[in-house]
Amino acid sequence: MLEAFVEQSRKEKVPCELVYFTEKDPLSEEWRAECRDTIDSCNGVIFLISRLLSISEGAFWEMKYSNELSKPMISVFVGDAGIRDKPRDLTGVIAMVMSWERVTEFVGKIS
């Protein structure tokens, strides 16, 4: 699902580079250091909310770290996910149904 999102963003010509992390070992310091470096260098963060998000330790760590840095954030429902799948860690973060127009608008504001 994530790979498809990144690929589609290229087709839609979203003016940014999207990076995602494969959740290898979200508790390892090596994985977290790589995430920190990438998040530090980003202008903003887009979280994909799927039905499986609730079991992703790495995603929750990324949310917490992004929030600590006060990075601009939005979240996008993908697949059959809905508002019930939005984690509390994203309280106050705009959540929307997938729309490339709105993603592009967000990217434009943070570029």
Protein backbone atom coordinates (compact mmCIF):
# COMPACT_ATOMS: atom_id res chain seq x y z
CA MET A 1 0.00 0.00 0.00
CA LEU A 2 2.78 2.43 0.88
CA GLU A 3 4.74 1.66 -2.26
CA ALA A 4 1.60 2.27 -4.32
CA PHE A 5 1.07 5.64 -2.61
CA VAL A 6 4.62 6.76 -3.39
CA GLU A 7 4.37 5.54 -7.00
CA GLN A 8 1.02 7.26 -7.52
CA SER A 9 2.40 10.50 -6.08
CA ARG A 10 5.00 10.45 -8.87
CA LYS A 11 2.30 9.89 -11.49
CA GLU A 12 0.25 12.74 -10.02
CA LYS A 13 3.40 14.92 -10.10
CA VAL A 14 3.16 15.87 -6.43
CA PRO A 15 6.06 18.35 -6.08
CA CYS A 16 7.99 16.57 -3.34
CA GLU A 17 9.94 13.48 -2.48
CA LEU A 18 7.95 11.02 -0.41
CA VAL A 19 9.93 8.73 1.87
CA TYR A 20 8.61 5.77 3.78
CA PHE A 21 10.26 3.33 6.12
CA THR A 22 9.86 -0.38 6.10
CA GLU A 23 9.24 -1.31 9.71
CA LYS A 24 12.16 -3.67 10.17
CA ASP A 25 12.74 -3.35 13.90
CA PRO A 26 11.11 -0.20 15.27
CA LEU A 27 12.72 -0.73 18.64
CA SER A 28 16.27 -0.79 17.29
CA GLU A 29 18.34 2.33 17.74
CA GLU A 30 19.64 2.00 14.17
CA TRP A 31 16.11 2.15 12.72
CA ARG A 32 15.15 5.07 14.96
CA ALA A 33 18.33 6.98 14.09
CA GLU A 34 17.55 6.60 10.38
CA CYS A 35 13.99 7.79 10.97
CA ARG A 36 15.17 10.75 13.06
CA ASP A 37 17.58 11.87 10.34
CA THR A 38 14.90 11.66 7.67
CA ILE A 39 12.15 13.33 9.72
CA ASP A 40 14.57 16.09 10.77
CA SER A 41 15.22 16.88 7.11
CA CYS A 42 11.53 16.89 6.07
CA ASN A 43 9.37 19.98 5.67
CA GLY A 44 6.28 18.02 6.72
CA VAL A 45 4.83 14.58 7.31
CA ILE A 46 1.95 12.68 5.71
CA PHE A 47 0.68 9.72 7.71
CA LEU A 48 -1.26 7.02 5.93
CA ILE A 49 -4.03 5.62 8.09
CA SER A 50 -4.89 2.02 7.27
CA ARG A 51 -6.67 -0.66 9.22
CA LEU A 52 -3.26 -2.09 10.17
CA LEU A 53 -1.88 1.15 11.60
CA SER A 54 -2.91 0.23 15.14
CA ILE A 55 -0.33 -2.58 15.21
CA SER A 56 2.59 -0.55 13.86
CA GLU A 57 4.96 0.40 16.68
CA GLY A 58 7.21 2.17 14.21
CA ALA A 59 4.44 4.38 12.87
CA PHE A 60 3.48 5.45 16.38
CA TRP A 61 7.11 6.28 17.14
CA GLU A 62 7.31 8.33 13.92
CA MET A 63 4.13 10.22 14.89
CA LYS A 64 5.46 11.02 18.34
CA TYR A 65 8.83 12.19 17.03
CA SER A 66 7.27 14.31 14.26
CA ASN A 67 4.96 15.90 16.81
CA GLU A 68 7.87 16.66 19.16
CA LEU A 69 9.54 18.54 16.30
CA SER A 70 6.29 20.39 15.52
CA LYS A 71 6.43 19.23 11.90
CA PRO A 72 3.40 20.16 9.78
CA MET A 73 1.35 16.97 9.47
CA ILE A 74 -1.71 15.59 7.72
CA SER A 75 -3.12 12.11 7.72
CA VAL A 76 -4.82 10.32 4.86
CA PHE A 77 -7.22 7.39 5.03
CA VAL A 78 -6.18 4.62 2.66
CA GLY A 79 -7.89 1.40 1.69
CA ASP A 80 -11.02 0.82 3.73
CA ALA A 81 -9.78 2.75 6.79
CA GLY A 82 -12.04 5.30 8.42
CA ILE A 83 -12.16 7.72 11.33
CA ARG A 84 -12.22 4.85 13.85
CA ASP A 85 -8.77 3.85 12.63
CA LYS A 86 -7.25 7.28 13.34
CA PRO A 87 -4.98 6.93 16.39
CA ARG A 88 -5.17 9.31 19.31
CA ASP A 89 -1.55 10.23 18.59
CA LEU A 90 -2.92 12.14 15.60
CA THR A 91 -5.43 14.21 17.59
CA GLY A 92 -5.37 17.70 16.14
CA VAL A 93 -3.87 16.52 12.84
CA ILE A 94 -6.10 16.96 9.79
CA ALA A 95 -7.42 13.58 8.61
CA MET A 96 -8.87 13.33 5.14
CA VAL A 97 -10.12 10.92 2.56
CA MET A 98 -7.44 10.38 -0.05
CA SER A 99 -7.28 13.28 -2.51
CA TRP A 100 -4.19 14.04 -4.58
CA GLU A 101 -5.39 17.61 -4.93
CA ARG A 102 -5.38 18.08 -1.14
CA VAL A 103 -2.03 16.29 -0.72
CA THR A 104 -0.52 18.57 -3.38
CA GLU A 105 -2.02 21.61 -1.62
CA PHE A 106 -0.44 20.53 1.70
CA VAL A 107 2.93 20.02 0.02
CA GLY A 108 2.67 23.46 -1.59
CA LYS A 109 2.10 25.09 1.79
CA ILE A 110 5.16 23.52 3.39
CA SER A 111 7.59 23.85 0.49
